[in-house]
Amino acid sequence: MYAIVNSGGKQYRVEVGETFRLEKISGDIGSTISFDKVLMFSDGETVKIGQPFVENVAVVGKIVEQDKAKKILVFKFKRRKGYRRKQGHRQPYTAVRIESITL
């Protein structure tokens, strides 16, 4: 059984018991979160596709981590002009463990 949910402008395929990272959402560690924008639901035999969302499907998860990803370097350079800029960036994320997918 799996579902495809929409969060932060991105789509994620989730299953029960799976932990995945998504764009930072507010909430404390241990609090539950419900995804109401379910785009597709499959129980192994039937598939329901939303127009645009599937109704009466609830995906419930628990926040397990609020952190930042590894640092990436942004380096701008123009040859022969003496132009060099170096900048680092760490994207915040939220790790969520899926507790249940119910119809």
N, C-alpha and C. Protein backbone atom coordinates (compact mmCIF):
# COMPACT_ATOMS: atom_id res chain seq x y z
N MET A 1 0.84 -1.16 0.00
CA MET A 1 0.00 0.00 0.00
C MET A 1 0.90 1.23 0.00
N TYR A 2 0.61 2.14 -0.93
CA TYR A 2 1.37 3.38 -0.99
C TYR A 2 0.49 4.51 -1.46
N ALA A 3 0.99 5.73 -1.31
CA ALA A 3 0.28 6.92 -1.75
C ALA A 3 1.31 7.93 -2.26
N ILE A 4 0.83 8.84 -3.08
CA ILE A 4 1.66 9.94 -3.55
C ILE A 4 1.05 11.22 -2.99
N VAL A 5 1.86 11.94 -2.19
CA VAL A 5 1.37 13.14 -1.54
C VAL A 5 2.11 14.37 -2.07
N ASN A 6 1.47 15.51 -1.94
CA ASN A 6 2.04 16.78 -2.38
C ASN A 6 2.34 17.62 -1.14
N SER A 7 3.59 18.07 -1.02
CA SER A 7 3.97 18.92 0.10
C SER A 7 5.10 19.85 -0.34
N GLY A 8 4.92 21.13 -0.12
CA GLY A 8 5.95 22.10 -0.47
C GLY A 8 6.19 22.21 -1.96
N GLY A 9 5.17 21.92 -2.78
CA GLY A 9 5.32 22.01 -4.22
C GLY A 9 6.01 20.82 -4.85
N LYS A 10 6.27 19.77 -4.06
CA LYS A 10 6.92 18.56 -4.56
C LYS A 10 6.04 17.36 -4.27
N GLN A 11 6.28 16.28 -4.99
CA GLN A 11 5.49 15.06 -4.82
C GLN A 11 6.37 13.96 -4.26
N TYR A 12 5.82 13.19 -3.30
CA TYR A 12 6.57 12.13 -2.64
C TYR A 12 5.75 10.84 -2.65
N ARG A 13 6.40 9.73 -2.95
CA ARG A 13 5.77 8.42 -2.87
C ARG A 13 6.07 7.88 -1.48
N VAL A 14 5.03 7.58 -0.71
CA VAL A 14 5.21 7.17 0.68
C VAL A 14 4.54 5.84 0.93
N GLU A 15 5.12 5.06 1.84
CA GLU A 15 4.57 3.80 2.31
C GLU A 15 4.57 3.81 3.83
N VAL A 16 3.78 2.94 4.42
CA VAL A 16 3.70 2.86 5.88
C VAL A 16 5.04 2.39 6.44
N GLY A 17 5.54 3.08 7.47
CA GLY A 17 6.81 2.72 8.10
C GLY A 17 8.02 3.37 7.46
N GLU A 18 7.84 4.05 6.36
CA GLU A 18 8.95 4.67 5.65
C GLU A 18 9.25 6.05 6.22
N THR A 19 10.53 6.41 6.25
CA THR A 19 10.95 7.74 6.68
C THR A 19 11.51 8.48 5.47
N PHE A 20 11.04 9.70 5.27
CA PHE A 20 11.52 10.48 4.13
C PHE A 20 11.70 11.93 4.53
N ARG A 21 12.52 12.64 3.74
CA ARG A 21 12.81 14.06 4.00
C ARG A 21 12.01 14.92 3.05
N LEU A 22 11.47 16.01 3.57
CA LEU A 22 10.77 16.96 2.74
C LEU A 22 11.14 18.36 3.15
N GLU A 23 10.70 19.34 2.39
CA GLU A 23 11.00 20.73 2.71
C GLU A 23 10.52 21.06 4.11
N LYS A 24 11.22 21.95 4.78
CA LYS A 24 10.93 22.26 6.17
C LYS A 24 9.49 22.68 6.38
N ILE A 25 8.84 22.01 7.34
CA ILE A 25 7.50 22.38 7.77
C ILE A 25 7.55 22.61 9.27
N SER A 26 6.69 23.47 9.76
CA SER A 26 6.73 23.80 11.18
C SER A 26 6.15 22.66 12.00
N GLY A 27 6.70 22.46 13.18
CA GLY A 27 6.24 21.42 14.08
C GLY A 27 7.39 20.92 14.93
N ASP A 28 7.04 20.36 16.10
CA ASP A 28 8.05 19.83 17.01
C ASP A 28 8.30 18.36 16.72
N ILE A 29 9.45 17.88 17.16
CA ILE A 29 9.77 16.46 17.01
C ILE A 29 8.79 15.66 17.86
N GLY A 30 8.21 14.63 17.25
CA GLY A 30 7.24 13.79 17.94
C GLY A 30 5.80 14.16 17.66
N SER A 31 5.56 15.33 17.07
CA SER A 31 4.19 15.72 16.77
C SER A 31 3.73 15.05 15.47
N THR A 32 2.42 14.85 15.36
CA THR A 32 1.88 14.20 14.17
C THR A 32 1.50 15.24 13.14
N ILE A 33 1.54 14.81 11.88
CA ILE A 33 1.20 15.69 10.78
C ILE A 33 0.34 14.88 9.81
N SER A 34 -0.63 15.55 9.23
CA SER A 34 -1.54 14.90 8.30
C SER A 34 -1.37 15.53 6.92
N PHE A 35 -1.22 14.68 5.91
CA PHE A 35 -1.11 15.15 4.53
C PHE A 35 -2.48 15.02 3.89
N ASP A 36 -3.08 16.15 3.53
CA ASP A 36 -4.42 16.11 2.95
C ASP A 36 -4.40 16.17 1.43
N LYS A 37 -3.27 16.53 0.84
CA LYS A 37 -3.16 16.59 -0.61
C LYS A 37 -2.60 15.27 -1.14
N VAL A 38 -3.47 14.28 -1.26
CA VAL A 38 -3.08 12.95 -1.75
C VAL A 38 -3.43 12.90 -3.23
N LEU A 39 -2.42 12.72 -4.08
CA LEU A 39 -2.63 12.71 -5.52
C LEU A 39 -3.01 11.34 -6.05
N MET A 40 -2.49 10.27 -5.41
CA MET A 40 -2.77 8.91 -5.86
C MET A 40 -2.71 7.96 -4.68
N PHE A 41 -3.52 6.92 -4.72
CA PHE A 41 -3.54 5.92 -3.67
C PHE A 41 -3.64 4.55 -4.30
N SER A 42 -2.84 3.60 -3.81
CA SER A 42 -2.88 2.22 -4.30
C SER A 42 -2.80 1.28 -3.11
N ASP A 43 -3.69 0.26 -3.11
CA ASP A 43 -3.64 -0.75 -2.05
C ASP A 43 -3.11 -2.08 -2.55
N GLY A 44 -2.50 -2.10 -3.71
CA GLY A 44 -1.94 -3.32 -4.26
C GLY A 44 -2.81 -3.92 -5.36
N GLU A 45 -4.11 -3.72 -5.27
CA GLU A 45 -5.03 -4.25 -6.27
C GLU A 45 -5.68 -3.14 -7.08
N THR A 46 -6.14 -2.10 -6.39
CA THR A 46 -6.80 -0.99 -7.08
C THR A 46 -5.97 0.27 -6.94
N VAL A 47 -6.11 1.13 -7.92
CA VAL A 47 -5.41 2.40 -7.93
C VAL A 47 -6.44 3.51 -8.07
N LYS A 48 -6.35 4.51 -7.20
CA LYS A 48 -7.24 5.67 -7.28
C LYS A 48 -6.39 6.90 -7.58
N ILE A 49 -6.77 7.58 -8.65
CA ILE A 49 -6.05 8.78 -9.06
C ILE A 49 -6.98 9.97 -8.88
N GLY A 50 -6.48 11.02 -8.25
CA GLY A 50 -7.30 12.19 -7.95
C GLY A 50 -7.42 13.15 -9.11
N GLN A 51 -8.44 13.99 -9.04
CA GLN A 51 -8.68 15.02 -10.04
C GLN A 51 -8.89 16.35 -9.35
N PRO A 52 -7.98 17.04 -8.74
CA PRO A 52 -6.55 16.75 -8.64
C PRO A 52 -6.18 15.93 -7.40
N PHE A 53 -7.07 15.85 -6.38
CA PHE A 53 -6.73 15.11 -5.17
C PHE A 53 -7.73 13.99 -4.94
N VAL A 54 -7.26 12.91 -4.29
CA VAL A 54 -8.13 11.79 -3.93
C VAL A 54 -8.84 12.16 -2.63
N GLU A 55 -10.14 11.99 -2.60
CA GLU A 55 -10.91 12.31 -1.41
C GLU A 55 -11.00 11.10 -0.49
N ASN A 56 -11.17 11.36 0.79
CA ASN A 56 -11.35 10.33 1.83
C ASN A 56 -10.13 9.44 2.02
N VAL A 57 -8.95 9.96 1.73
CA VAL A 57 -7.71 9.24 2.01
C VAL A 57 -6.89 10.10 2.96
N ALA A 58 -6.44 9.50 4.06
CA ALA A 58 -5.65 10.22 5.05
C ALA A 58 -4.27 9.58 5.18
N VAL A 59 -3.25 10.40 5.08
CA VAL A 59 -1.87 9.96 5.30
C VAL A 59 -1.38 10.68 6.54
N VAL A 60 -1.06 9.90 7.58
CA VAL A 60 -0.65 10.47 8.86
C VAL A 60 0.80 10.07 9.13
N GLY A 61 1.61 11.05 9.53
CA GLY A 61 3.01 10.80 9.84
C GLY A 61 3.43 11.48 11.12
N LYS A 62 4.63 11.13 11.57
CA LYS A 62 5.19 11.71 12.78
C LYS A 62 6.53 12.34 12.45
N ILE A 63 6.75 13.56 12.94
CA ILE A 63 8.01 14.26 12.70
C ILE A 63 9.09 13.62 13.57
N VAL A 64 10.16 13.16 12.93
CA VAL A 64 11.24 12.51 13.67
C VAL A 64 12.51 13.34 13.70
N GLU A 65 12.62 14.35 12.81
CA GLU A 65 13.85 15.14 12.79
C GLU A 65 13.61 16.49 12.13
N GLN A 66 14.20 17.53 12.69
CA GLN A 66 14.24 18.87 12.09
C GLN A 66 15.72 19.25 12.02
N ASP A 67 16.27 19.37 10.82
CA ASP A 67 17.70 19.59 10.70
C ASP A 67 18.00 20.32 9.40
N LYS A 68 19.30 20.47 9.12
CA LYS A 68 19.75 21.05 7.87
C LYS A 68 20.53 20.00 7.10
N ALA A 69 20.47 20.06 5.78
CA ALA A 69 21.18 19.12 4.92
C ALA A 69 22.67 19.48 4.89
N LYS A 70 23.46 18.66 4.19
CA LYS A 70 24.87 18.94 4.06
C LYS A 70 25.09 20.24 3.30
N LYS A 71 26.20 20.89 3.56
CA LYS A 71 26.51 22.16 2.93
C LYS A 71 26.88 21.93 1.46
N ILE A 72 26.33 22.79 0.61
CA ILE A 72 26.76 22.83 -0.78
C ILE A 72 27.46 24.16 -1.02
N LEU A 73 28.40 24.17 -1.93
CA LEU A 73 29.13 25.39 -2.24
C LEU A 73 28.62 25.98 -3.54
N VAL A 74 28.36 27.27 -3.52
CA VAL A 74 27.96 28.01 -4.71
C VAL A 74 29.15 28.89 -5.07
N PHE A 75 29.75 28.62 -6.23
CA PHE A 75 30.95 29.34 -6.64
C PHE A 75 30.71 29.98 -8.00
N LYS A 76 30.79 31.31 -8.05
CA LYS A 76 30.64 32.05 -9.30
C LYS A 76 32.02 32.53 -9.74
N PHE A 77 32.27 32.44 -11.04
CA PHE A 77 33.60 32.73 -11.54
C PHE A 77 33.49 33.21 -12.98
N LYS A 78 34.18 34.30 -13.28
CA LYS A 78 34.27 34.76 -14.67
C LYS A 78 35.75 34.86 -15.01
N ARG A 79 36.15 34.14 -16.01
CA ARG A 79 37.57 34.07 -16.33
C ARG A 79 38.11 35.41 -16.83
N ARG A 80 39.35 35.67 -16.44
CA ARG A 80 40.11 36.85 -16.86
C ARG A 80 39.50 38.16 -16.39
N LYS A 81 38.57 38.16 -15.48
CA LYS A 81 37.93 39.40 -15.03
C LYS A 81 38.16 39.67 -13.55
N GLY A 82 38.77 38.73 -12.85
CA GLY A 82 39.00 38.91 -11.43
C GLY A 82 37.73 38.79 -10.59
N TYR A 83 36.74 38.10 -11.12
CA TYR A 83 35.45 37.96 -10.43
C TYR A 83 35.32 36.55 -9.87
N ARG A 84 35.30 36.46 -8.54
CA ARG A 84 35.14 35.17 -7.86
C ARG A 84 34.26 35.39 -6.65
N ARG A 85 33.21 34.59 -6.49
CA ARG A 85 32.32 34.65 -5.32
C ARG A 85 32.09 33.24 -4.82
N LYS A 86 32.29 33.06 -3.53
CA LYS A 86 32.09 31.73 -2.93
C LYS A 86 31.07 31.87 -1.82
N GLN A 87 30.08 31.01 -1.84
CA GLN A 87 29.01 31.07 -0.85
C GLN A 87 28.58 29.65 -0.53
N GLY A 88 28.22 29.41 0.74
CA GLY A 88 27.72 28.11 1.15
C GLY A 88 26.23 28.17 1.45
N HIS A 89 25.58 27.02 1.37
CA HIS A 89 24.13 26.96 1.64
C HIS A 89 23.78 25.62 2.27
N ARG A 90 22.95 25.66 3.32
CA ARG A 90 22.42 24.45 3.95
C ARG A 90 20.90 24.54 3.96
N GLN A 91 20.25 23.63 3.25
CA GLN A 91 18.79 23.65 3.13
C GLN A 91 18.16 22.97 4.34
N PRO A 92 17.25 23.64 5.04
CA PRO A 92 16.57 22.98 6.16
C PRO A 92 15.56 21.95 5.65
N TYR A 93 15.40 20.87 6.42
CA TYR A 93 14.46 19.83 6.04
C TYR A 93 13.77 19.27 7.27
N THR A 94 12.71 18.53 7.04
CA THR A 94 11.97 17.83 8.07
C THR A 94 11.90 16.36 7.67
N ALA A 95 12.28 15.46 8.57
CA ALA A 95 12.16 14.03 8.32
C ALA A 95 10.87 13.54 8.96
N VAL A 96 10.05 12.81 8.18
CA VAL A 96 8.75 12.35 8.63
C VAL A 96 8.67 10.84 8.45
N ARG A 97 8.18 10.13 9.48
CA ARG A 97 7.92 8.69 9.40
C ARG A 97 6.42 8.51 9.22
N ILE A 98 6.02 7.76 8.21
CA ILE A 98 4.61 7.54 7.91
C ILE A 98 4.05 6.49 8.86
N GLU A 99 3.01 6.87 9.60
CA GLU A 99 2.37 5.97 10.58
C GLU A 99 1.25 5.17 9.94
N SER A 100 0.39 5.81 9.13
CA SER A 100 -0.75 5.09 8.56
C SER A 100 -1.23 5.78 7.29
N ILE A 101 -1.79 4.94 6.40
CA ILE A 101 -2.49 5.41 5.21
C ILE A 101 -3.86 4.76 5.25
N THR A 102 -4.89 5.56 5.44
CA THR A 102 -6.23 5.01 5.59
C THR A 102 -7.16 5.56 4.54
N LEU A 103 -8.14 4.74 4.19
CA LEU A 103 -9.16 5.13 3.22
C LEU A 103 -10.37 5.68 3.92
